[in-house]
């Protein structure tokens, strides 16, 4: 019986290890060789000067991106310009505008307080908002808030919610915000245009508006400030929605439906216009919401029920009150059951 030579056994083991190691390295070496060969064939003699030319656009069609029928450079300088505008100007503007408005409202409330009625309520009511107008207003207001919250999450959420909740929850929030923003945006645009058209006749400029602005809506000087159905401040909010709001709607449609031939440059400009307009409107909307709820007695109940008290109408919209005061009515008192004359209480049926 022969015993195997230990030296020969070690030799075969060494050869086996070398072959196995070579097999493992072969794919990586071949891939690197293929990549180097493709690079040398596709882009010959690429230098930093070449990439500077690509970035500037001073190159021929071989250095162009032809995907989706575009003629952009492989390094798109306009995209970097858009990113700089968004990060350096648009995002800080939103924080300053919205945060500044919230701070001013808080200071105003602490220093001045709520505007209560100068005269006691009469109990006689005037119809100010129809059912259709209130339905349009609350629909537009609800959609505006949802779009503002989802838009703010898309712009700033990664700096707030991602560190708090992690990538999984933050990713789900971003996905939900994107879907909600894309689908609710067109509906908001349509309803806002309908509401603007319905309220147009009440928001045309008038001479009384100049006096209203001079007196700061009654905050400056003494004496009553006259106003029609809409005062100067309400008209400013209306025309902001009719201008900046419509710009936000149109730019939103450009971003929402990228299948009508608009190029990247158009989409980038639409994004900047959309963000600037939406952030500005959100800031002003905080003031509108404050005045219509906590800031002024009687305003919220008018948009809730459609009716306002005579005292509220005379104080805030005296010219309109003079036009409609004859239609004021006292609401019927709620029915109350009176006890029997003998003082006995009615028996509960069994």
C-alpha atoms as a PDB file:
ATOM      1  CA  UNK A   1       0.000   0.000   0.000  1.00  0.00           C
ATOM      2  CA  UNK A   2       1.480   3.330  -1.095  1.00  0.00           C
ATOM      3  CA  UNK A   3       1.226   6.590   0.887  1.00  0.00           C
ATOM      4  CA  UNK A   4       0.591   9.845  -1.091  1.00  0.00           C
ATOM      5  CA  UNK A   5       3.489  12.202  -1.324  1.00  0.00           C
ATOM      6  CA  UNK A   6       2.713  15.286   0.910  1.00  0.00           C
ATOM      7  CA  UNK A   7       4.648  17.594  -1.407  1.00  0.00           C
ATOM      8  CA  UNK A   8       2.655  16.529  -4.457  1.00  0.00           C
ATOM      9  CA  UNK A   9      -0.628  17.012  -2.527  1.00  0.00           C
ATOM     10  CA  UNK A  10       0.354  20.580  -1.563  1.00  0.00           C
ATOM     11  CA  UNK A  11       1.263  21.334  -5.178  1.00  0.00           C
ATOM     12  CA  UNK A  12      -2.142  20.280  -6.484  1.00  0.00           C
ATOM     13  CA  UNK A  13      -3.861  22.328  -3.768  1.00  0.00           C
ATOM     14  CA  UNK A  14      -1.882  25.426  -4.751  1.00  0.00           C
ATOM     15  CA  UNK A  15      -2.790  24.983  -8.437  1.00  0.00           C
ATOM     16  CA  UNK A  16      -6.483  24.609  -7.516  1.00  0.00           C
ATOM     17  CA  UNK A  17      -6.471  27.798  -5.454  1.00  0.00           C
ATOM     18  CA  UNK A  18      -4.773  29.758  -8.242  1.00  0.00           C
ATOM     19  CA  UNK A  19      -7.334  28.564 -10.799  1.00  0.00           C
ATOM     20  CA  UNK A  20     -10.261  29.397  -8.504  1.00  0.00           C
ATOM     21  CA  UNK A  21      -8.889  32.851  -7.776  1.00  0.00           C
ATOM     22  CA  UNK A  22      -8.366  33.458 -11.479  1.00  0.00           C
ATOM     23  CA  UNK A  23     -11.960  32.459 -12.246  1.00  0.00           C
ATOM     24  CA  UNK A  24     -13.229  34.889  -9.633  1.00  0.00           C
ATOM     25  CA  UNK A  25     -11.176  37.792 -11.002  1.00  0.00           C
ATOM     26  CA  UNK A  26     -11.863  37.112 -14.672  1.00  0.00           C
ATOM     27  CA  UNK A  27     -15.360  38.753 -14.862  1.00  0.00           C
ATOM     28  CA  UNK A  28     -14.144  41.923 -13.131  1.00  0.00           C
ATOM     29  CA  UNK A  29     -11.084  42.164 -15.370  1.00  0.00           C
ATOM     30  CA  UNK A  30     -13.138  41.580 -18.497  1.00  0.00           C
ATOM     31  CA  UNK A  31     -15.720  44.159 -17.399  1.00  0.00           C
ATOM     32  CA  UNK A  32     -13.044  46.750 -16.755  1.00  0.00           C
ATOM     33  CA  UNK A  33     -11.418  46.029 -20.100  1.00  0.00           C
ATOM     34  CA  UNK A  34     -14.795  46.288 -21.856  1.00  0.00           C
ATOM     35  CA  UNK A  35     -15.639  49.544 -20.089  1.00  0.00           C
ATOM     36  CA  UNK A  36     -12.274  51.026 -20.943  1.00  0.00           C
ATOM     37  CA  UNK A  37     -12.641  49.908 -24.570  1.00  0.00           C
ATOM     38  CA  UNK A  38     -16.171  51.434 -24.790  1.00  0.00           C
ATOM     39  CA  UNK A  39     -14.996  54.687 -23.222  1.00  0.00           C
ATOM     40  CA  UNK A  40     -12.074  54.939 -25.602  1.00  0.00           C
ATOM     41  CA  UNK A  41     -14.366  54.268 -28.553  1.00  0.00           C
ATOM     42  CA  UNK A  42     -17.320  56.472 -27.514  1.00  0.00           C
ATOM     43  CA  UNK A  43     -15.468  59.497 -26.143  1.00  0.00           C
ATOM     44  CA  UNK A  44     -12.004  59.840 -27.595  1.00  0.00           C
ATOM     45  CA  UNK A  45      -9.504  62.142 -25.928  1.00  0.00           C
ATOM     46  CA  UNK A  46     -11.842  63.592 -23.294  1.00  0.00           C
ATOM     47  CA  UNK A  47     -10.192  66.325 -21.256  1.00  0.00           C
ATOM     48  CA  UNK A  48     -11.474  68.852 -18.688  1.00  0.00           C
ATOM     49  CA  UNK A  49     -11.560  71.409 -21.509  1.00  0.00           C
ATOM     50  CA  UNK A  50     -13.898  69.118 -23.424  1.00  0.00           C
ATOM     51  CA  UNK A  51     -16.358  68.933 -20.518  1.00  0.00           C
ATOM     52  CA  UNK A  52     -16.238  72.717 -20.158  1.00  0.00           C
ATOM     53  CA  UNK A  53     -17.231  72.980 -23.799  1.00  0.00           C
ATOM     54  CA  UNK A  54     -20.036  70.470 -23.266  1.00  0.00           C
ATOM     55  CA  UNK A  55     -21.338  72.512 -20.357  1.00  0.00           C
ATOM     56  CA  UNK A  56     -21.226  75.773 -22.287  1.00  0.00           C
ATOM     57  CA  UNK A  57     -22.934  74.340 -25.355  1.00  0.00           C
ATOM     58  CA  UNK A  58     -20.075  75.105 -27.744  1.00  0.00           C
ATOM     59  CA  UNK A  59     -19.965  71.575 -29.108  1.00  0.00           C
ATOM     60  CA  UNK A  60     -21.393  69.641 -32.042  1.00  0.00           C
ATOM     61  CA  UNK A  61     -24.290  67.183 -32.092  1.00  0.00           C
ATOM     62  CA  UNK A  62     -22.120  64.319 -30.815  1.00  0.00           C
ATOM     63  CA  UNK A  63     -22.201  65.886 -27.372  1.00  0.00           C
ATOM     64  CA  UNK A  64     -25.957  66.479 -27.309  1.00  0.00           C
ATOM     65  CA  UNK A  65     -28.653  64.576 -25.458  1.00  0.00           C
ATOM     66  CA  UNK A  66     -31.195  63.497 -28.063  1.00  0.00           C
ATOM     67  CA  UNK A  67     -33.600  61.698 -25.743  1.00  0.00           C
ATOM     68  CA  UNK A  68     -37.269  62.691 -26.105  1.00  0.00           C
ATOM     69  CA  UNK A  69     -36.395  64.852 -29.132  1.00  0.00           C
ATOM     70  CA  UNK A  70     -34.436  67.292 -26.947  1.00  0.00           C
ATOM     71  CA  UNK A  71     -31.342  69.202 -28.004  1.00  0.00           C
ATOM     72  CA  UNK A  72     -29.812  69.742 -24.596  1.00  0.00           C
ATOM     73  CA  UNK A  73     -26.190  69.308 -23.679  1.00  0.00           C
ATOM     74  CA  UNK A  74     -25.113  66.220 -21.797  1.00  0.00           C
ATOM     75  CA  UNK A  75     -24.287  68.626 -18.966  1.00  0.00           C
ATOM     76  CA  UNK A  76     -27.352  70.889 -18.793  1.00  0.00           C
ATOM     77  CA  UNK A  77     -26.344  74.237 -17.322  1.00  0.00           C
ATOM     78  CA  UNK A  78     -29.959  75.453 -17.172  1.00  0.00           C
ATOM     79  CA  UNK A  79     -30.840  72.616 -14.813  1.00  0.00           C
ATOM     80  CA  UNK A  80     -28.114  73.671 -12.423  1.00  0.00           C
ATOM     81  CA  UNK A  81     -29.315  77.272 -12.698  1.00  0.00           C
ATOM     82  CA  UNK A  82     -32.844  76.193 -11.813  1.00  0.00           C
ATOM     83  CA  UNK A  83     -31.547  74.267  -8.784  1.00  0.00           C
ATOM     84  CA  UNK A  84     -29.621  77.284  -7.552  1.00  0.00           C
ATOM     85  CA  UNK A  85     -32.666  79.545  -7.901  1.00  0.00           C
ATOM     86  CA  UNK A  86     -34.851  77.075  -6.031  1.00  0.00           C
ATOM     87  CA  UNK A  87     -32.427  76.424  -3.180  1.00  0.00           C
ATOM     88  CA  UNK A  88     -30.911  79.886  -2.744  1.00  0.00           C
ATOM     89  CA  UNK A  89     -33.925  82.113  -3.408  1.00  0.00           C
ATOM     90  CA  UNK A  90     -37.290  80.366  -3.607  1.00  0.00           C
ATOM     91  CA  UNK A  91     -36.978  78.158  -0.511  1.00  0.00           C
ATOM     92  CA  UNK A  92     -35.673  80.961   1.761  1.00  0.00           C
ATOM     93  CA  UNK A  93     -38.351  83.316   0.399  1.00  0.00           C
ATOM     94  CA  UNK A  94     -41.067  80.876   1.454  1.00  0.00           C
ATOM     95  CA  UNK A  95     -39.693  80.537   4.967  1.00  0.00           C
ATOM     96  CA  UNK A  96     -39.335  84.316   5.367  1.00  0.00           C
ATOM     97  CA  UNK A  97     -42.775  85.114   3.920  1.00  0.00           C
ATOM     98  CA  UNK A  98     -44.791  82.484   5.774  1.00  0.00           C
ATOM     99  CA  UNK A  99     -42.806  82.672   9.003  1.00  0.00           C
ATOM    100  CA  UNK A 100     -42.836  86.477   8.947  1.00  0.00           C
ATOM    101  CA  UNK A 101     -46.590  86.610   8.390  1.00  0.00           C
ATOM    102  CA  UNK A 102     -47.244  84.144  11.223  1.00  0.00           C
ATOM    103  CA  UNK A 103     -45.038  86.227  13.547  1.00  0.00           C
ATOM    104  CA  UNK A 104     -46.772  89.500  12.624  1.00  0.00           C
ATOM    105  CA  UNK A 105     -50.209  87.958  13.209  1.00  0.00           C
ATOM    106  CA  UNK A 106     -49.138  86.673  16.623  1.00  0.00           C
ATOM    107  CA  UNK A 107     -47.705  90.066  17.623  1.00  0.00           C
ATOM    108  CA  UNK A 108     -50.788  91.912  16.347  1.00  0.00           C
ATOM    109  CA  UNK A 109     -53.089  89.636  18.324  1.00  0.00           C
ATOM    110  CA  UNK A 110     -51.036  90.042  21.505  1.00  0.00           C
ATOM    111  CA  UNK A 111     -50.747  93.836  21.194  1.00  0.00           C
ATOM    112  CA  UNK A 112     -54.120  94.784  19.666  1.00  0.00           C
ATOM    113  CA  UNK A 113     -56.344  91.800  20.295  1.00  0.00           C
ATOM    114  CA  UNK A 114     -59.543  90.781  18.610  1.00  0.00           C
ATOM    115  CA  UNK A 115     -61.670  93.413  16.862  1.00  0.00           C
ATOM    116  CA  UNK A 116     -65.030  93.325  18.603  1.00  0.00           C
ATOM    117  CA  UNK A 117     -68.145  95.188  17.550  1.00  0.00           C
ATOM    118  CA  UNK A 118     -68.408  98.793  18.724  1.00  0.00           C
ATOM    119  CA  UNK A 119     -72.187  98.567  19.041  1.00  0.00           C
ATOM    120  CA  UNK A 120     -74.210  95.712  20.562  1.00  0.00           C
ATOM    121  CA  UNK A 121     -75.868  93.288  18.194  1.00  0.00           C
ATOM    122  CA  UNK A 122     -79.425  94.092  17.165  1.00  0.00           C
ATOM    123  CA  UNK A 123     -80.439  90.514  16.430  1.00  0.00           C
ATOM    124  CA  UNK A 124     -81.615  91.526  12.966  1.00  0.00           C
ATOM    125  CA  UNK A 125     -79.784  89.637  10.241  1.00  0.00           C
ATOM    126  CA  UNK A 126     -78.809  90.402   6.655  1.00  0.00           C
ATOM    127  CA  UNK A 127     -78.112  87.785   4.008  1.00  0.00           C
ATOM    128  CA  UNK A 128     -74.520  88.263   2.829  1.00  0.00           C
ATOM    129  CA  UNK A 129     -73.425  84.948   1.282  1.00  0.00           C
ATOM    130  CA  UNK A 130     -75.623  82.585  -0.714  1.00  0.00           C
ATOM    131  CA  UNK A 131     -75.460  78.814  -0.355  1.00  0.00           C
ATOM    132  CA  UNK A 132     -73.626  78.505  -3.696  1.00  0.00           C
ATOM    133  CA  UNK A 133     -71.029  81.124  -2.741  1.00  0.00           C
ATOM    134  CA  UNK A 134     -70.399  79.482   0.619  1.00  0.00           C
ATOM    135  CA  UNK A 135     -70.069  76.048  -0.993  1.00  0.00           C
ATOM    136  CA  UNK A 136     -67.557  77.412  -3.487  1.00  0.00           C
ATOM    137  CA  UNK A 137     -65.646  79.278  -0.779  1.00  0.00           C
ATOM    138  CA  UNK A 138     -65.305  76.300   1.558  1.00  0.00           C
ATOM    139  CA  UNK A 139     -64.405  73.964  -1.310  1.00  0.00           C
ATOM    140  CA  UNK A 140     -61.679  76.306  -2.541  1.00  0.00           C
ATOM    141  CA  UNK A 141     -60.471  76.965   1.014  1.00  0.00           C
ATOM    142  CA  UNK A 142     -60.226  73.251   1.830  1.00  0.00           C
ATOM    143  CA  UNK A 143     -58.349  72.484  -1.380  1.00  0.00           C
ATOM    144  CA  UNK A 144     -56.059  75.472  -0.821  1.00  0.00           C
ATOM    145  CA  UNK A 145     -55.078  74.212   2.628  1.00  0.00           C
ATOM    146  CA  UNK A 146     -54.477  70.661   1.376  1.00  0.00           C
ATOM    147  CA  UNK A 147     -52.373  71.920  -1.533  1.00  0.00           C
ATOM    148  CA  UNK A 148     -50.424  74.286   0.718  1.00  0.00           C
ATOM    149  CA  UNK A 149     -49.618  71.523   3.216  1.00  0.00           C
ATOM    150  CA  UNK A 150     -48.630  69.018   0.523  1.00  0.00           C
ATOM    151  CA  UNK A 151     -46.570  71.630  -1.323  1.00  0.00           C
ATOM    152  CA  UNK A 152     -44.753  72.667   1.844  1.00  0.00           C
ATOM    153  CA  UNK A 153     -44.007  69.019   2.548  1.00  0.00           C
ATOM    154  CA  UNK A 154     -42.554  68.571  -0.938  1.00  0.00           C
ATOM    155  CA  UNK A 155     -40.346  71.625  -0.522  1.00  0.00           C
ATOM    156  CA  UNK A 156     -39.313  71.434   3.136  1.00  0.00           C
ATOM    157  CA  UNK A 157     -40.415  68.009   4.378  1.00  0.00           C
ATOM    158  CA  UNK A 158     -37.052  66.327   3.996  1.00  0.00           C
ATOM    159  CA  UNK A 159     -35.527  68.812   6.444  1.00  0.00           C
ATOM    160  CA  UNK A 160     -38.245  68.278   9.082  1.00  0.00           C
ATOM    161  CA  UNK A 161     -39.940  64.895   8.812  1.00  0.00           C
ATOM    162  CA  UNK A 162     -37.080  62.811   7.453  1.00  0.00           C
ATOM    163  CA  UNK A 163     -34.890  63.298  10.537  1.00  0.00           C
ATOM    164  CA  UNK A 164     -37.908  62.779  12.822  1.00  0.00           C
ATOM    165  CA  UNK A 165     -39.520  59.697  11.270  1.00  0.00           C
ATOM    166  CA  UNK A 166     -36.870  58.162   9.029  1.00  0.00           C
ATOM    167  CA  UNK A 167     -36.804  57.364   5.324  1.00  0.00           C
ATOM    168  CA  UNK A 168     -39.738  54.928   5.258  1.00  0.00           C
ATOM    169  CA  UNK A 169     -42.378  57.206   6.785  1.00  0.00           C
ATOM    170  CA  UNK A 170     -40.982  60.287   5.106  1.00  0.00           C
ATOM    171  CA  UNK A 171     -41.014  58.517   1.726  1.00  0.00           C
ATOM    172  CA  UNK A 172     -44.673  57.564   2.198  1.00  0.00           C
ATOM    173  CA  UNK A 173     -45.512  61.157   3.145  1.00  0.00           C
ATOM    174  CA  UNK A 174     -43.755  62.522   0.068  1.00  0.00           C
ATOM    175  CA  UNK A 175     -45.499  60.013  -2.191  1.00  0.00           C
ATOM    176  CA  UNK A 176     -48.914  60.867  -0.733  1.00  0.00           C
ATOM    177  CA  UNK A 177     -48.192  64.598  -0.970  1.00  0.00           C
ATOM    178  CA  UNK A 178     -47.181  64.300  -4.615  1.00  0.00           C
ATOM    179  CA  UNK A 179     -50.292  62.327  -5.586  1.00  0.00           C
ATOM    180  CA  UNK A 180     -52.609  64.670  -3.662  1.00  0.00           C
ATOM    181  CA  UNK A 181     -50.948  67.770  -5.119  1.00  0.00           C
ATOM    182  CA  UNK A 182     -51.112  66.514  -8.699  1.00  0.00           C
ATOM    183  CA  UNK A 183     -54.755  65.421  -8.571  1.00  0.00           C
ATOM    184  CA  UNK A 184     -56.273  68.131  -6.360  1.00  0.00           C
ATOM    185  CA  UNK A 185     -54.484  70.981  -8.147  1.00  0.00           C
ATOM    186  CA  UNK A 186     -56.600  70.996 -11.337  1.00  0.00           C
ATOM    187  CA  UNK A 187     -59.821  70.782  -9.305  1.00  0.00           C
ATOM    188  CA  UNK A 188     -58.717  73.741  -7.198  1.00  0.00           C
ATOM    189  CA  UNK A 189     -57.912  75.728 -10.328  1.00  0.00           C
ATOM    190  CA  UNK A 190     -61.334  75.188 -11.866  1.00  0.00           C
ATOM    191  CA  UNK A 191     -63.262  76.022  -8.682  1.00  0.00           C
ATOM    192  CA  UNK A 192     -61.145  79.111  -7.988  1.00  0.00           C
ATOM    193  CA  UNK A 193     -61.860  80.535 -11.432  1.00  0.00           C
ATOM    194  CA  UNK A 194     -65.605  79.931 -10.922  1.00  0.00           C
ATOM    195  CA  UNK A 195     -65.498  81.676  -7.530  1.00  0.00           C
ATOM    196  CA  UNK A 196     -63.527  84.621  -8.923  1.00  0.00           C
ATOM    197  CA  UNK A 197     -66.033  85.119 -11.724  1.00  0.00           C
ATOM    198  CA  UNK A 198     -68.938  84.982  -9.279  1.00  0.00           C
ATOM    199  CA  UNK A 199     -67.419  87.634  -6.997  1.00  0.00           C
ATOM    200  CA  UNK A 200     -66.017  89.905  -9.710  1.00  0.00           C
ATOM    201  CA  UNK A 201     -68.772  92.539  -9.568  1.00  0.00           C
ATOM    202  CA  UNK A 202     -68.230  93.050  -5.831  1.00  0.00           C
ATOM    203  CA  UNK A 203     -64.473  93.552  -6.156  1.00  0.00           C
ATOM    204  CA  UNK A 204     -64.133  96.219  -8.821  1.00  0.00           C
ATOM    205  CA  UNK A 205     -62.021  99.182  -7.604  1.00  0.00           C
ATOM    206  CA  UNK A 206     -63.827 102.271  -6.290  1.00  0.00           C
ATOM    207  CA  UNK A 207     -62.938 105.663  -4.820  1.00  0.00           C
ATOM    208  CA  UNK A 208     -63.840 104.504  -1.332  1.00  0.00           C
ATOM    209  CA  UNK A 209     -60.938 102.054  -1.475  1.00  0.00           C
ATOM    210  CA  UNK A 210     -58.398 104.915  -1.427  1.00  0.00           C
ATOM    211  CA  UNK A 211     -59.884 106.281   1.800  1.00  0.00           C
ATOM    212  CA  UNK A 212     -59.918 102.792   3.276  1.00  0.00           C
ATOM    213  CA  UNK A 213     -56.195 102.356   2.546  1.00  0.00           C
ATOM    214  CA  UNK A 214     -55.326 105.836   3.867  1.00  0.00           C
ATOM    215  CA  UNK A 215     -56.950 104.990   7.176  1.00  0.00           C
ATOM    216  CA  UNK A 216     -55.496 101.504   7.278  1.00  0.00           C
ATOM    217  CA  UNK A 217     -58.919  99.933   7.372  1.00  0.00           C
ATOM    218  CA  UNK A 218     -59.788 101.975  10.476  1.00  0.00           C
ATOM    219  CA  UNK A 219     -56.523 101.489  12.376  1.00  0.00           C
ATOM    220  CA  UNK A 220     -55.203 104.974  11.534  1.00  0.00           C
ATOM    221  CA  UNK A 221     -56.955 108.125  12.727  1.00  0.00           C
ATOM    222  CA  UNK A 222     -60.494 108.496  13.993  1.00  0.00           C
ATOM    223  CA  UNK A 223     -63.862 108.150  12.392  1.00  0.00           C
ATOM    224  CA  UNK A 224     -65.664 105.388  10.599  1.00  0.00           C
ATOM    225  CA  UNK A 225     -64.240 103.944   7.360  1.00  0.00           C
ATOM    226  CA  UNK A 226     -66.883 103.446   4.711  1.00  0.00           C
ATOM    227  CA  UNK A 227     -66.877 100.413   2.427  1.00  0.00           C
ATOM    228  CA  UNK A 228     -69.208  98.682   0.027  1.00  0.00           C
ATOM    229  CA  UNK A 229     -69.833  94.949  -0.165  1.00  0.00           C
ATOM    230  CA  UNK A 230     -66.048  94.398  -0.174  1.00  0.00           C
ATOM    231  CA  UNK A 231     -63.542  96.720   1.486  1.00  0.00           C
ATOM    232  CA  UNK A 232     -60.112  97.613   0.159  1.00  0.00           C
ATOM    233  CA  UNK A 233     -58.318  94.789   1.940  1.00  0.00           C
ATOM    234  CA  UNK A 234     -60.735  92.165   0.663  1.00  0.00           C
ATOM    235  CA  UNK A 235     -60.313  93.496  -2.853  1.00  0.00           C
ATOM    236  CA  UNK A 236     -56.527  93.206  -2.597  1.00  0.00           C
ATOM    237  CA  UNK A 237     -56.913  89.543  -1.605  1.00  0.00           C
ATOM    238  CA  UNK A 238     -59.330  88.999  -4.494  1.00  0.00           C
ATOM    239  CA  UNK A 239     -56.957  90.473  -7.085  1.00  0.00           C
ATOM    240  CA  UNK A 240     -53.996  88.594  -5.669  1.00  0.00           C
ATOM    241  CA  UNK A 241     -55.956  85.402  -6.289  1.00  0.00           C
ATOM    242  CA  UNK A 242     -56.991  86.651  -9.737  1.00  0.00           C
ATOM    243  CA  UNK A 243     -53.368  87.355 -10.758  1.00  0.00           C
ATOM    244  CA  UNK A 244     -50.856  85.357  -8.722  1.00  0.00           C
ATOM    245  CA  UNK A 245     -53.444  82.635  -8.156  1.00  0.00           C
ATOM    246  CA  UNK A 246     -54.118  82.242 -11.868  1.00  0.00           C
ATOM    247  CA  UNK A 247     -50.345  82.213 -12.516  1.00  0.00           C
ATOM    248  CA  UNK A 248     -50.026  79.381  -9.988  1.00  0.00           C
ATOM    249  CA  UNK A 249     -52.860  77.498 -11.707  1.00  0.00           C
ATOM    250  CA  UNK A 250     -51.406  77.871 -15.207  1.00  0.00           C
ATOM    251  CA  UNK A 251     -47.887  76.945 -14.137  1.00  0.00           C
ATOM    252  CA  UNK A 252     -49.340  74.002 -12.232  1.00  0.00           C
ATOM    253  CA  UNK A 253     -51.046  72.728 -15.372  1.00  0.00           C
ATOM    254  CA  UNK A 254     -47.719  72.981 -17.235  1.00  0.00           C
ATOM    255  CA  UNK A 255     -46.081  70.852 -14.526  1.00  0.00           C
ATOM    256  CA  UNK A 256     -49.020  68.464 -14.154  1.00  0.00           C
ATOM    257  CA  UNK A 257     -49.358  67.645 -17.855  1.00  0.00           C
ATOM    258  CA  UNK A 258     -45.860  67.408 -19.385  1.00  0.00           C
ATOM    259  CA  UNK A 259     -47.198  65.749 -22.529  1.00  0.00           C
ATOM    260  CA  UNK A 260     -47.924  68.817 -24.650  1.00  0.00           C
ATOM    261  CA  UNK A 261     -44.433  69.381 -26.003  1.00  0.00           C
ATOM    262  CA  UNK A 262     -43.084  71.720 -23.325  1.00  0.00           C
ATOM    263  CA  UNK A 263     -39.329  71.364 -22.883  1.00  0.00           C
ATOM    264  CA  UNK A 264     -37.202  71.266 -19.770  1.00  0.00           C
ATOM    265  CA  UNK A 265     -36.587  75.004 -19.747  1.00  0.00           C
ATOM    266  CA  UNK A 266     -40.332  75.666 -19.798  1.00  0.00           C
ATOM    267  CA  UNK A 267     -40.881  73.196 -16.970  1.00  0.00           C
ATOM    268  CA  UNK A 268     -38.114  74.786 -14.899  1.00  0.00           C
ATOM    269  CA  UNK A 269     -39.565  78.284 -15.293  1.00  0.00           C
ATOM    270  CA  UNK A 270     -43.046  76.959 -14.527  1.00  0.00           C
ATOM    271  CA  UNK A 271     -41.712  75.363 -11.345  1.00  0.00           C
ATOM    272  CA  UNK A 272     -40.160  78.624 -10.136  1.00  0.00           C
ATOM    273  CA  UNK A 273     -43.279  80.673 -10.936  1.00  0.00           C
ATOM    274  CA  UNK A 274     -45.493  78.061  -9.296  1.00  0.00           C
ATOM    275  CA  UNK A 275     -43.420  77.941  -6.115  1.00  0.00           C
ATOM    276  CA  UNK A 276     -43.032  81.711  -5.739  1.00  0.00           C
ATOM    277  CA  UNK A 277     -46.726  82.389  -6.342  1.00  0.00           C
ATOM    278  CA  UNK A 278     -47.927  79.580  -4.091  1.00  0.00           C
ATOM    279  CA  UNK A 279     -45.613  80.515  -1.212  1.00  0.00           C
ATOM    280  CA  UNK A 280     -46.619  84.177  -1.431  1.00  0.00           C
ATOM    281  CA  UNK A 281     -50.329  83.337  -1.498  1.00  0.00           C
ATOM    282  CA  UNK A 282     -49.922  80.973   1.442  1.00  0.00           C
ATOM    283  CA  UNK A 283     -48.349  83.770   3.480  1.00  0.00           C
ATOM    284  CA  UNK A 284     -51.148  86.239   2.647  1.00  0.00           C
ATOM    285  CA  UNK A 285     -53.773  83.536   3.230  1.00  0.00           C
ATOM    286  CA  UNK A 286     -52.664  83.335   6.869  1.00  0.00           C
ATOM    287  CA  UNK A 287     -53.743  86.956   7.287  1.00  0.00           C
ATOM    288  CA  UNK A 288     -57.017  86.311   5.490  1.00  0.00           C
ATOM    289  CA  UNK A 289     -57.747  83.311   7.718  1.00  0.00           C
ATOM    290  CA  UNK A 290     -56.916  85.258  10.883  1.00  0.00           C
ATOM    291  CA  UNK A 291     -59.145  88.212   9.997  1.00  0.00           C
ATOM    292  CA  UNK A 292     -62.004  85.926   8.982  1.00  0.00           C
ATOM    293  CA  UNK A 293     -61.902  83.818  12.143  1.00  0.00           C
ATOM    294  CA  UNK A 294     -60.174  84.874  15.349  1.00  0.00           C
ATOM    295  CA  UNK A 295     -59.363  88.452  14.422  1.00  0.00           C
ATOM    296  CA  UNK A 296     -62.808  89.942  13.756  1.00  0.00           C
ATOM    297  CA  UNK A 297     -66.041  89.312  15.618  1.00  0.00           C
ATOM    298  CA  UNK A 298     -68.894  88.180  13.393  1.00  0.00           C
ATOM    299  CA  UNK A 299     -66.901  87.448  10.213  1.00  0.00           C
ATOM    300  CA  UNK A 300     -66.710  83.668  10.517  1.00  0.00           C
ATOM    301  CA  UNK A 301     -70.397  83.243  11.341  1.00  0.00           C
ATOM    302  CA  UNK A 302     -71.228  85.178   8.182  1.00  0.00           C
ATOM    303  CA  UNK A 303     -69.441  82.671   5.959  1.00  0.00           C
ATOM    304  CA  UNK A 304     -70.781  79.807   8.087  1.00  0.00           C
ATOM    305  CA  UNK A 305     -74.487  80.640   8.050  1.00  0.00           C
ATOM    306  CA  UNK A 306     -74.608  83.249   5.273  1.00  0.00           C
ATOM    307  CA  UNK A 307     -76.068  85.913   7.590  1.00  0.00           C
ATOM    308  CA  UNK A 308     -74.472  88.825   9.466  1.00  0.00           C
ATOM    309  CA  UNK A 309     -75.837  91.061  12.175  1.00  0.00           C
ATOM    310  CA  UNK A 310     -76.911  94.618  11.380  1.00  0.00           C
ATOM    311  CA  UNK A 311     -74.262  96.038  13.700  1.00  0.00           C
ATOM    312  CA  UNK A 312     -71.508  94.109  11.912  1.00  0.00           C
ATOM    313  CA  UNK A 313     -72.748  95.309   8.510  1.00  0.00           C
ATOM    314  CA  UNK A 314     -72.913  98.980   9.587  1.00  0.00           C
ATOM    315  CA  UNK A 315     -69.450  98.875  11.143  1.00  0.00           C
ATOM    316  CA  UNK A 316     -67.542  97.068   8.396  1.00  0.00           C
ATOM    317  CA  UNK A 317     -69.560  97.647   5.194  1.00  0.00           C
ATOM    318  CA  UNK A 318     -71.707 100.717   5.798  1.00  0.00           C
ATOM    319  CA  UNK A 319     -72.329 101.521   2.114  1.00  0.00           C
ATOM    320  CA  UNK A 320     -73.545  97.985   1.467  1.00  0.00           C
ATOM    321  CA  UNK A 321     -75.683  98.154   4.611  1.00  0.00           C
ATOM    322  CA  UNK A 322     -77.463 101.252   3.299  1.00  0.00           C
ATOM    323  CA  UNK A 323     -78.360  99.334   0.164  1.00  0.00           C
ATOM    324  CA  UNK A 324     -79.796  96.265   1.874  1.00  0.00           C
ATOM    325  CA  UNK A 325     -80.918  97.422   5.335  1.00  0.00           C
ATOM    326  CA  UNK A 326     -84.606  97.170   4.419  1.00  0.00           C
ATOM    327  CA  UNK A 327     -84.196  93.415   3.970  1.00  0.00           C
ATOM    328  CA  UNK A 328     -82.968  92.864   7.545  1.00  0.00           C
ATOM    329  CA  UNK A 329     -85.060  90.353   9.414  1.00  0.00           C
ATOM    330  CA  UNK A 330     -85.289  88.939  12.891  1.00  0.00           C
ATOM    331  CA  UNK A 331     -84.869  85.171  12.941  1.00  0.00           C
ATOM    332  CA  UNK A 332     -87.769  83.290  14.536  1.00  0.00           C
ATOM    333  CA  UNK A 333     -87.200  82.254  18.121  1.00  0.00           C
ATOM    334  CA  UNK A 334     -86.843  78.512  18.677  1.00  0.00           C
ATOM    335  CA  UNK A 335     -90.089  76.832  19.718  1.00  0.00           C
ATOM    336  CA  UNK A 336     -90.358  76.281  23.458  1.00  0.00           C
ATOM    337  CA  UNK A 337     -92.946  74.154  25.191  1.00  0.00           C
ATOM    338  CA  UNK A 338     -94.701  75.972  28.057  1.00  0.00           C
ATOM    339  CA  UNK A 339     -95.784  74.093  31.203  1.00  0.00           C
ATOM    340  CA  UNK A 340     -99.492  73.542  31.857  1.00  0.00           C
ATOM    341  CA  UNK A 341    -101.351  76.290  33.678  1.00  0.00           C
ATOM    342  CA  UNK A 342    -101.805  74.094  36.770  1.00  0.00           C
ATOM    343  CA  UNK A 343     -98.032  73.725  37.062  1.00  0.00           C
ATOM    344  CA  UNK A 344     -97.998  69.950  36.727  1.00  0.00           C
ATOM    345  CA  UNK A 345     -95.330  68.410  34.521  1.00  0.00           C
ATOM    346  CA  UNK A 346     -96.426  66.211  31.616  1.00  0.00           C
ATOM    347  CA  UNK A 347     -96.079  62.519  32.215  1.00  0.00           C
ATOM    348  CA  UNK A 348     -93.584  60.510  30.183  1.00  0.00           C
ATOM    349  CA  UNK A 349     -95.416  57.957  28.057  1.00  0.00           C
ATOM    350  CA  UNK A 350     -94.876  54.348  29.053  1.00  0.00           C
END
